Amino acid sequence: SLRLSCAASGRTFSSYAMGWFRQAPGKEREFVAA
């Protein structure tokens, strides 16, 4: 297991829709979670 974190600057983080994407070598970026 691993836990990734994403720290955001800005005062309006609570209004952001957020997502995780990933890109493997030689492959296109793909959606992971939102």
ModelCIF file with pLDDT and N, C-alpha, C, O atoms, coordinates in Angstrom:
data_MODEL
#
_entry.id   MODEL 
#
_entity.id                         1 
_entity.type                       polymer 
_entity.pdbx_number_of_molecules   1 
#
_entity_poly.entity_id                      1 
_entity_poly.type                           'polypeptide(L)' 
_entity_poly.nstd_linkage                   no 
_entity_poly.nstd_monomer                   no 
_entity_poly.pdbx_seq_one_letter_code       SLRLSCAASGRTFSSYAMGWFRQAPGKEREFVAA 
_entity_poly.pdbx_seq_one_letter_code_can   SLRLSCAASGRTFSSYAMGWFRQAPGKEREFVAA 
_entity_poly.pdbx_strand_id                 A 
#
loop_
_entity_poly_seq.entity_id 
_entity_poly_seq.num 
_entity_poly_seq.mon_id 
_entity_poly_seq.hetero 
1 1  SER n 
1 2  LEU n 
1 3  ARG n 
1 4  LEU n 
1 5  SER n 
1 6  CYS n 
1 7  ALA n 
1 8  ALA n 
1 9  SER n 
1 10 GLY n 
1 11 ARG n 
1 12 THR n 
1 13 PHE n 
1 14 SER n 
1 15 SER n 
1 16 TYR n 
1 17 ALA n 
1 18 MET n 
1 19 GLY n 
1 20 TRP n 
1 21 PHE n 
1 22 ARG n 
1 23 GLN n 
1 24 ALA n 
1 25 PRO n 
1 26 GLY n 
1 27 LYS n 
1 28 GLU n 
1 29 ARG n 
1 30 GLU n 
1 31 PHE n 
1 32 VAL n 
1 33 ALA n 
1 34 ALA n 
#
_struct_asym.id          A 
_struct_asym.entity_id   1 
#
loop_
_ma_qa_metric.id 
_ma_qa_metric.mode 
_ma_qa_metric.name 
_ma_qa_metric.software_group_id 
_ma_qa_metric.type 
1 global pLDDT . pLDDT 
2 local  pLDDT . pLDDT 
#
_ma_qa_metric_global.metric_id      1 
_ma_qa_metric_global.metric_value   94.65 
_ma_qa_metric_global.model_id       1 
_ma_qa_metric_global.ordinal_id     1 
#
loop_
_ma_qa_metric_local.label_asym_id 
_ma_qa_metric_local.label_comp_id 
_ma_qa_metric_local.label_seq_id 
_ma_qa_metric_local.metric_id 
_ma_qa_metric_local.metric_value 
_ma_qa_metric_local.model_id 
_ma_qa_metric_local.ordinal_id 
A SER 1  2 98.00 1 1  
A LEU 2  2 98.00 1 2  
A ARG 3  2 98.00 1 3  
A LEU 4  2 98.00 1 4  
A SER 5  2 98.00 1 5  
A CYS 6  2 98.00 1 6  
A ALA 7  2 97.00 1 7  
A ALA 8  2 95.00 1 8  
A SER 9  2 91.00 1 9  
A GLY 10 2 76.00 1 10 
A ARG 11 2 73.00 1 11 
A THR 12 2 85.00 1 12 
A PHE 13 2 90.00 1 13 
A SER 14 2 90.00 1 14 
A SER 15 2 91.00 1 15 
A TYR 16 2 94.00 1 16 
A ALA 17 2 96.00 1 17 
A MET 18 2 97.00 1 18 
A GLY 19 2 98.00 1 19 
A TRP 20 2 98.00 1 20 
A PHE 21 2 98.00 1 21 
A ARG 22 2 98.00 1 22 
A GLN 23 2 98.00 1 23 
A ALA 24 2 97.00 1 24 
A PRO 25 2 92.00 1 25 
A GLY 26 2 95.00 1 26 
A LYS 27 2 97.00 1 27 
A GLU 28 2 97.00 1 28 
A ARG 29 2 97.00 1 29 
A GLU 30 2 98.00 1 30 
A PHE 31 2 98.00 1 31 
A VAL 32 2 98.00 1 32 
A ALA 33 2 98.00 1 33 
A ALA 34 2 98.00 1 34 
#
loop_
_atom_site.group_PDB 
_atom_site.id 
_atom_site.type_symbol 
_atom_site.label_atom_id 
_atom_site.label_alt_id 
_atom_site.label_comp_id 
_atom_site.label_asym_id 
_atom_site.label_entity_id 
_atom_site.label_seq_id 
_atom_site.pdbx_PDB_ins_code 
_atom_site.Cartn_x 
_atom_site.Cartn_y 
_atom_site.Cartn_z 
_atom_site.occupancy 
_atom_site.B_iso_or_equiv 
_atom_site.pdbx_formal_charge 
_atom_site.auth_seq_id 
_atom_site.auth_comp_id 
_atom_site.auth_asym_id 
_atom_site.auth_atom_id 
_atom_site.pdbx_PDB_model_num 
ATOM 1   N N  . SER A 1 1  ? 0.825   -1.200 0.000   1.00 98.00 ? 1  SER A N  1 
ATOM 2   C CA . SER A 1 1  ? 0.000   0.000  0.000   1.00 98.00 ? 1  SER A CA 1 
ATOM 3   C C  . SER A 1 1  ? 0.860   1.251  0.000   1.00 98.00 ? 1  SER A C  1 
ATOM 4   O O  . SER A 1 1  ? 1.996   1.244  0.474   1.00 98.00 ? 1  SER A O  1 
ATOM 5   N N  . LEU A 1 2  ? 0.303   2.316  -0.536  1.00 98.00 ? 2  LEU A N  1 
ATOM 6   C CA . LEU A 1 2  ? 0.882   3.648  -0.475  1.00 98.00 ? 2  LEU A CA 1 
ATOM 7   C C  . LEU A 1 2  ? -0.249  4.648  -0.335  1.00 98.00 ? 2  LEU A C  1 
ATOM 8   O O  . LEU A 1 2  ? -1.369  4.400  -0.780  1.00 98.00 ? 2  LEU A O  1 
ATOM 9   N N  . ARG A 1 3  ? 0.048   5.772  0.283   1.00 98.00 ? 3  ARG A N  1 
ATOM 10  C CA . ARG A 1 3  ? -0.913  6.868  0.301   1.00 98.00 ? 3  ARG A CA 1 
ATOM 11  C C  . ARG A 1 3  ? -0.266  8.099  -0.311  1.00 98.00 ? 3  ARG A C  1 
ATOM 12  O O  . ARG A 1 3  ? 0.732   8.611  0.196   1.00 98.00 ? 3  ARG A O  1 
ATOM 13  N N  . LEU A 1 4  ? -0.836  8.557  -1.386  1.00 98.00 ? 4  LEU A N  1 
ATOM 14  C CA . LEU A 1 4  ? -0.374  9.773  -2.032  1.00 98.00 ? 4  LEU A CA 1 
ATOM 15  C C  . LEU A 1 4  ? -1.098  10.974 -1.447  1.00 98.00 ? 4  LEU A C  1 
ATOM 16  O O  . LEU A 1 4  ? -2.272  10.894 -1.086  1.00 98.00 ? 4  LEU A O  1 
ATOM 17  N N  . SER A 1 5  ? -0.383  12.085 -1.359  1.00 98.00 ? 5  SER A N  1 
ATOM 18  C CA . SER A 1 5  ? -0.967  13.340 -0.915  1.00 98.00 ? 5  SER A CA 1 
ATOM 19  C C  . SER A 1 5  ? -0.748  14.392 -1.982  1.00 98.00 ? 5  SER A C  1 
ATOM 20  O O  . SER A 1 5  ? 0.221   14.335 -2.740  1.00 98.00 ? 5  SER A O  1 
ATOM 21  N N  . CYS A 1 6  ? -1.648  15.342 -2.034  1.00 98.00 ? 6  CYS A N  1 
ATOM 22  C CA . CYS A 1 6  ? -1.536  16.466 -2.954  1.00 98.00 ? 6  CYS A CA 1 
ATOM 23  C C  . CYS A 1 6  ? -1.891  17.719 -2.161  1.00 98.00 ? 6  CYS A C  1 
ATOM 24  O O  . CYS A 1 6  ? -3.055  17.950 -1.834  1.00 98.00 ? 6  CYS A O  1 
ATOM 25  N N  . ALA A 1 7  ? -0.877  18.522 -1.856  1.00 97.00 ? 7  ALA A N  1 
ATOM 26  C CA . ALA A 1 7  ? -1.079  19.756 -1.106  1.00 97.00 ? 7  ALA A CA 1 
ATOM 27  C C  . ALA A 1 7  ? -1.361  20.895 -2.076  1.00 97.00 ? 7  ALA A C  1 
ATOM 28  O O  . ALA A 1 7  ? -0.618  21.105 -3.034  1.00 97.00 ? 7  ALA A O  1 
ATOM 29  N N  . ALA A 1 8  ? -2.428  21.618 -1.822  1.00 95.00 ? 8  ALA A N  1 
ATOM 30  C CA . ALA A 1 8  ? -2.840  22.705 -2.712  1.00 95.00 ? 8  ALA A CA 1 
ATOM 31  C C  . ALA A 1 8  ? -2.690  24.054 -2.036  1.00 95.00 ? 8  ALA A C  1 
ATOM 32  O O  . ALA A 1 8  ? -3.003  24.209 -0.855  1.00 95.00 ? 8  ALA A O  1 
ATOM 33  N N  . SER A 1 9  ? -2.213  25.018 -2.785  1.00 91.00 ? 9  SER A N  1 
ATOM 34  C CA . SER A 1 9  ? -2.164  26.393 -2.304  1.00 91.00 ? 9  SER A CA 1 
ATOM 35  C C  . SER A 1 9  ? -3.484  27.067 -2.649  1.00 91.00 ? 9  SER A C  1 
ATOM 36  O O  . SER A 1 9  ? -4.283  26.525 -3.412  1.00 91.00 ? 9  SER A O  1 
ATOM 37  N N  . GLY A 1 10 ? -3.704  28.222 -2.098  1.00 76.00 ? 10 GLY A N  1 
ATOM 38  C CA . GLY A 1 10 ? -4.925  28.939 -2.443  1.00 76.00 ? 10 GLY A CA 1 
ATOM 39  C C  . GLY A 1 10 ? -5.970  28.829 -1.356  1.00 76.00 ? 10 GLY A C  1 
ATOM 40  O O  . GLY A 1 10 ? -6.024  27.845 -0.619  1.00 76.00 ? 10 GLY A O  1 
ATOM 41  N N  . ARG A 1 11 ? -6.808  29.862 -1.267  1.00 73.00 ? 11 ARG A N  1 
ATOM 42  C CA . ARG A 1 11 ? -7.781  29.926 -0.190  1.00 73.00 ? 11 ARG A CA 1 
ATOM 43  C C  . ARG A 1 11 ? -9.092  29.233 -0.503  1.00 73.00 ? 11 ARG A C  1 
ATOM 44  O O  . ARG A 1 11 ? -9.939  29.071 0.376   1.00 73.00 ? 11 ARG A O  1 
ATOM 45  N N  . THR A 1 12 ? -9.267  28.817 -1.770  1.00 85.00 ? 12 THR A N  1 
ATOM 46  C CA . THR A 1 12 ? -10.562 28.272 -2.158  1.00 85.00 ? 12 THR A CA 1 
ATOM 47  C C  . THR A 1 12 ? -10.477 26.800 -2.516  1.00 85.00 ? 12 THR A C  1 
ATOM 48  O O  . THR A 1 12 ? -11.212 26.327 -3.383  1.00 85.00 ? 12 THR A O  1 
ATOM 49  N N  . PHE A 1 13 ? -9.588  26.073 -1.859  1.00 90.00 ? 13 PHE A N  1 
ATOM 50  C CA . PHE A 1 13 ? -9.442  24.644 -2.130  1.00 90.00 ? 13 PHE A CA 1 
ATOM 51  C C  . PHE A 1 13 ? -10.771 23.932 -2.022  1.00 90.00 ? 13 PHE A C  1 
ATOM 52  O O  . PHE A 1 13 ? -11.053 23.011 -2.790  1.00 90.00 ? 13 PHE A O  1 
ATOM 53  N N  . SER A 1 14 ? -11.591 24.354 -1.071  1.00 90.00 ? 14 SER A N  1 
ATOM 54  C CA . SER A 1 14 ? -12.851 23.654 -0.833  1.00 90.00 ? 14 SER A CA 1 
ATOM 55  C C  . SER A 1 14 ? -13.789 23.718 -2.035  1.00 90.00 ? 14 SER A C  1 
ATOM 56  O O  . SER A 1 14 ? -14.717 22.915 -2.131  1.00 90.00 ? 14 SER A O  1 
ATOM 57  N N  . SER A 1 15 ? -13.567 24.651 -2.945  1.00 91.00 ? 15 SER A N  1 
ATOM 58  C CA . SER A 1 15 ? -14.425 24.763 -4.128  1.00 91.00 ? 15 SER A CA 1 
ATOM 59  C C  . SER A 1 15 ? -13.888 23.989 -5.326  1.00 91.00 ? 15 SER A C  1 
ATOM 60  O O  . SER A 1 15 ? -14.506 23.983 -6.391  1.00 91.00 ? 15 SER A O  1 
ATOM 61  N N  . TYR A 1 16 ? -12.739 23.336 -5.158  1.00 94.00 ? 16 TYR A N  1 
ATOM 62  C CA . TYR A 1 16 ? -12.128 22.635 -6.279  1.00 94.00 ? 16 TYR A CA 1 
ATOM 63  C C  . TYR A 1 16 ? -12.653 21.216 -6.408  1.00 94.00 ? 16 TYR A C  1 
ATOM 64  O O  . TYR A 1 16 ? -12.734 20.488 -5.418  1.00 94.00 ? 16 TYR A O  1 
ATOM 65  N N  . ALA A 1 17 ? -13.007 20.822 -7.614  1.00 96.00 ? 17 ALA A N  1 
ATOM 66  C CA . ALA A 1 17 ? -13.129 19.408 -7.924  1.00 96.00 ? 17 ALA A CA 1 
ATOM 67  C C  . ALA A 1 17 ? -11.709 18.899 -8.166  1.00 96.00 ? 17 ALA A C  1 
ATOM 68  O O  . ALA A 1 17 ? -10.898 19.582 -8.792  1.00 96.00 ? 17 ALA A O  1 
ATOM 69  N N  . MET A 1 18 ? -11.414 17.710 -7.673  1.00 97.00 ? 18 MET A N  1 
ATOM 70  C CA . MET A 1 18 ? -10.046 17.203 -7.714  1.00 97.00 ? 18 MET A CA 1 
ATOM 71  C C  . MET A 1 18 ? -9.986  15.851 -8.412  1.00 97.00 ? 18 MET A C  1 
ATOM 72  O O  . MET A 1 18 ? -10.963 15.103 -8.451  1.00 97.00 ? 18 MET A O  1 
ATOM 73  N N  . GLY A 1 19 ? -8.826  15.565 -8.954  1.00 98.00 ? 19 GLY A N  1 
ATOM 74  C CA . GLY A 1 19 ? -8.665  14.289 -9.625  1.00 98.00 ? 19 GLY A CA 1 
ATOM 75  C C  . GLY A 1 19 ? -7.252  13.753 -9.504  1.00 98.00 ? 19 GLY A C  1 
ATOM 76  O O  . GLY A 1 19 ? -6.307  14.497 -9.241  1.00 98.00 ? 19 GLY A O  1 
ATOM 77  N N  . TRP A 1 20 ? -7.126  12.468 -9.697  1.00 98.00 ? 20 TRP A N  1 
ATOM 78  C CA . TRP A 1 20 ? -5.825  11.791 -9.814  1.00 98.00 ? 20 TRP A CA 1 
ATOM 79  C C  . TRP A 1 20 ? -5.761  11.134 -11.195 1.00 98.00 ? 20 TRP A C  1 
ATOM 80  O O  . TRP A 1 20 ? -6.705  10.482 -11.641 1.00 98.00 ? 20 TRP A O  1 
ATOM 81  N N  . PHE A 1 21 ? -4.641  11.324 -11.842 1.00 98.00 ? 21 PHE A N  1 
ATOM 82  C CA . PHE A 1 21 ? -4.364  10.686 -13.129 1.00 98.00 ? 21 PHE A CA 1 
ATOM 83  C C  . PHE A 1 21 ? -2.992  10.025 -13.031 1.00 98.00 ? 21 PHE A C  1 
ATOM 84  O O  . PHE A 1 21 ? -2.222  10.312 -12.115 1.00 98.00 ? 21 PHE A O  1 
ATOM 85  N N  . ARG A 1 22 ? -2.695  9.151  -13.967 1.00 98.00 ? 22 ARG A N  1 
ATOM 86  C CA . ARG A 1 22 ? -1.371  8.523  -13.978 1.00 98.00 ? 22 ARG A CA 1 
ATOM 87  C C  . ARG A 1 22 ? -0.912  8.307  -15.420 1.00 98.00 ? 22 ARG A C  1 
ATOM 88  O O  . ARG A 1 22 ? -1.710  8.207  -16.353 1.00 98.00 ? 22 ARG A O  1 
ATOM 89  N N  . GLN A 1 23 ? 0.399   8.241  -15.552 1.00 98.00 ? 23 GLN A N  1 
ATOM 90  C CA . GLN A 1 23 ? 0.982   8.002  -16.858 1.00 98.00 ? 23 GLN A CA 1 
ATOM 91  C C  . GLN A 1 23 ? 2.156   7.050  -16.722 1.00 98.00 ? 23 GLN A C  1 
ATOM 92  O O  . GLN A 1 23 ? 3.143   7.349  -16.050 1.00 98.00 ? 23 GLN A O  1 
ATOM 93  N N  . ALA A 1 24 ? 2.036   5.911  -17.363 1.00 97.00 ? 24 ALA A N  1 
ATOM 94  C CA . ALA A 1 24 ? 3.109   4.922  -17.381 1.00 97.00 ? 24 ALA A CA 1 
ATOM 95  C C  . ALA A 1 24 ? 4.002   5.186  -18.589 1.00 97.00 ? 24 ALA A C  1 
ATOM 96  O O  . ALA A 1 24 ? 3.560   5.801  -19.559 1.00 97.00 ? 24 ALA A O  1 
ATOM 97  N N  . PRO A 1 25 ? 5.252   4.728  -18.541 1.00 92.00 ? 25 PRO A N  1 
ATOM 98  C CA . PRO A 1 25 ? 6.166   4.944  -19.667 1.00 92.00 ? 25 PRO A CA 1 
ATOM 99  C C  . PRO A 1 25 ? 5.583   4.405  -20.966 1.00 92.00 ? 25 PRO A C  1 
ATOM 100 O O  . PRO A 1 25 ? 5.117   3.267  -21.029 1.00 92.00 ? 25 PRO A O  1 
ATOM 101 N N  . GLY A 1 26 ? 5.616   5.239  -21.999 1.00 95.00 ? 26 GLY A N  1 
ATOM 102 C CA . GLY A 1 26 ? 5.137   4.817  -23.303 1.00 95.00 ? 26 GLY A CA 1 
ATOM 103 C C  . GLY A 1 26 ? 3.633   4.774  -23.455 1.00 95.00 ? 26 GLY A C  1 
ATOM 104 O O  . GLY A 1 26 ? 3.119   4.354  -24.491 1.00 95.00 ? 26 GLY A O  1 
ATOM 105 N N  . LYS A 1 27 ? 2.927   5.207  -22.422 1.00 97.00 ? 27 LYS A N  1 
ATOM 106 C CA . LYS A 1 27 ? 1.456   5.175  -22.476 1.00 97.00 ? 27 LYS A CA 1 
ATOM 107 C C  . LYS A 1 27 ? 0.901   6.574  -22.281 1.00 97.00 ? 27 LYS A C  1 
ATOM 108 O O  . LYS A 1 27 ? 1.580   7.480  -21.797 1.00 97.00 ? 27 LYS A O  1 
ATOM 109 N N  . GLU A 1 28 ? -0.359  6.719  -22.676 1.00 97.00 ? 28 GLU A N  1 
ATOM 110 C CA . GLU A 1 28 ? -1.014  8.008  -22.487 1.00 97.00 ? 28 GLU A CA 1 
ATOM 111 C C  . GLU A 1 28 ? -1.460  8.153  -21.027 1.00 97.00 ? 28 GLU A C  1 
ATOM 112 O O  . GLU A 1 28 ? -1.618  7.174  -20.297 1.00 97.00 ? 28 GLU A O  1 
ATOM 113 N N  . ARG A 1 29 ? -1.652  9.401  -20.642 1.00 97.00 ? 29 ARG A N  1 
ATOM 114 C CA . ARG A 1 29 ? -2.177  9.665  -19.309 1.00 97.00 ? 29 ARG A CA 1 
ATOM 115 C C  . ARG A 1 29 ? -3.582  9.087  -19.191 1.00 97.00 ? 29 ARG A C  1 
ATOM 116 O O  . ARG A 1 29 ? -4.386  9.178  -20.119 1.00 97.00 ? 29 ARG A O  1 
ATOM 117 N N  . GLU A 1 30 ? -3.870  8.485  -18.023 1.00 98.00 ? 30 GLU A N  1 
ATOM 118 C CA . GLU A 1 30 ? -5.184  7.908  -17.825 1.00 98.00 ? 30 GLU A CA 1 
ATOM 119 C C  . GLU A 1 30 ? -5.791  8.348  -16.503 1.00 98.00 ? 30 GLU A C  1 
ATOM 120 O O  . GLU A 1 30 ? -5.092  8.644  -15.534 1.00 98.00 ? 30 GLU A O  1 
ATOM 121 N N  . PHE A 1 31 ? -7.090  8.378  -16.501 1.00 98.00 ? 31 PHE A N  1 
ATOM 122 C CA . PHE A 1 31 ? -7.855  8.739  -15.307 1.00 98.00 ? 31 PHE A CA 1 
ATOM 123 C C  . PHE A 1 31 ? -7.732  7.645  -14.248 1.00 98.00 ? 31 PHE A C  1 
ATOM 124 O O  . PHE A 1 31 ? -7.745  6.455  -14.563 1.00 98.00 ? 31 PHE A O  1 
ATOM 125 N N  . VAL A 1 32 ? -7.613  8.065  -12.995 1.00 98.00 ? 32 VAL A N  1 
ATOM 126 C CA . VAL A 1 32 ? -7.569  7.124  -11.878 1.00 98.00 ? 32 VAL A CA 1 
ATOM 127 C C  . VAL A 1 32 ? -8.777  7.308  -10.959 1.00 98.00 ? 32 VAL A C  1 
ATOM 128 O O  . VAL A 1 32 ? -9.522  6.362  -10.706 1.00 98.00 ? 32 VAL A O  1 
ATOM 129 N N  . ALA A 1 33 ? -8.964  8.533  -10.463 1.00 98.00 ? 33 ALA A N  1 
ATOM 130 C CA . ALA A 1 33 ? -10.052 8.788  -9.523  1.00 98.00 ? 33 ALA A CA 1 
ATOM 131 C C  . ALA A 1 33 ? -10.370 10.270 -9.510  1.00 98.00 ? 33 ALA A C  1 
ATOM 132 O O  . ALA A 1 33 ? -9.516  11.099 -9.825  1.00 98.00 ? 33 ALA A O  1 
ATOM 133 N N  . ALA A 1 34 ? -11.604 10.603 -9.142  1.00 98.00 ? 34 ALA A N  1 
ATOM 134 C CA . ALA A 1 34 ? -12.015 12.002 -9.098  1.00 98.00 ? 34 ALA A CA 1 
ATOM 135 C C  . ALA A 1 34 ? -13.006 12.223 -7.966  1.00 98.00 ? 34 ALA A C  1 
ATOM 136 O O  . ALA A 1 34 ? -13.473 13.343 -7.764  1.00 98.00 ? 34 ALA A O  1 
#
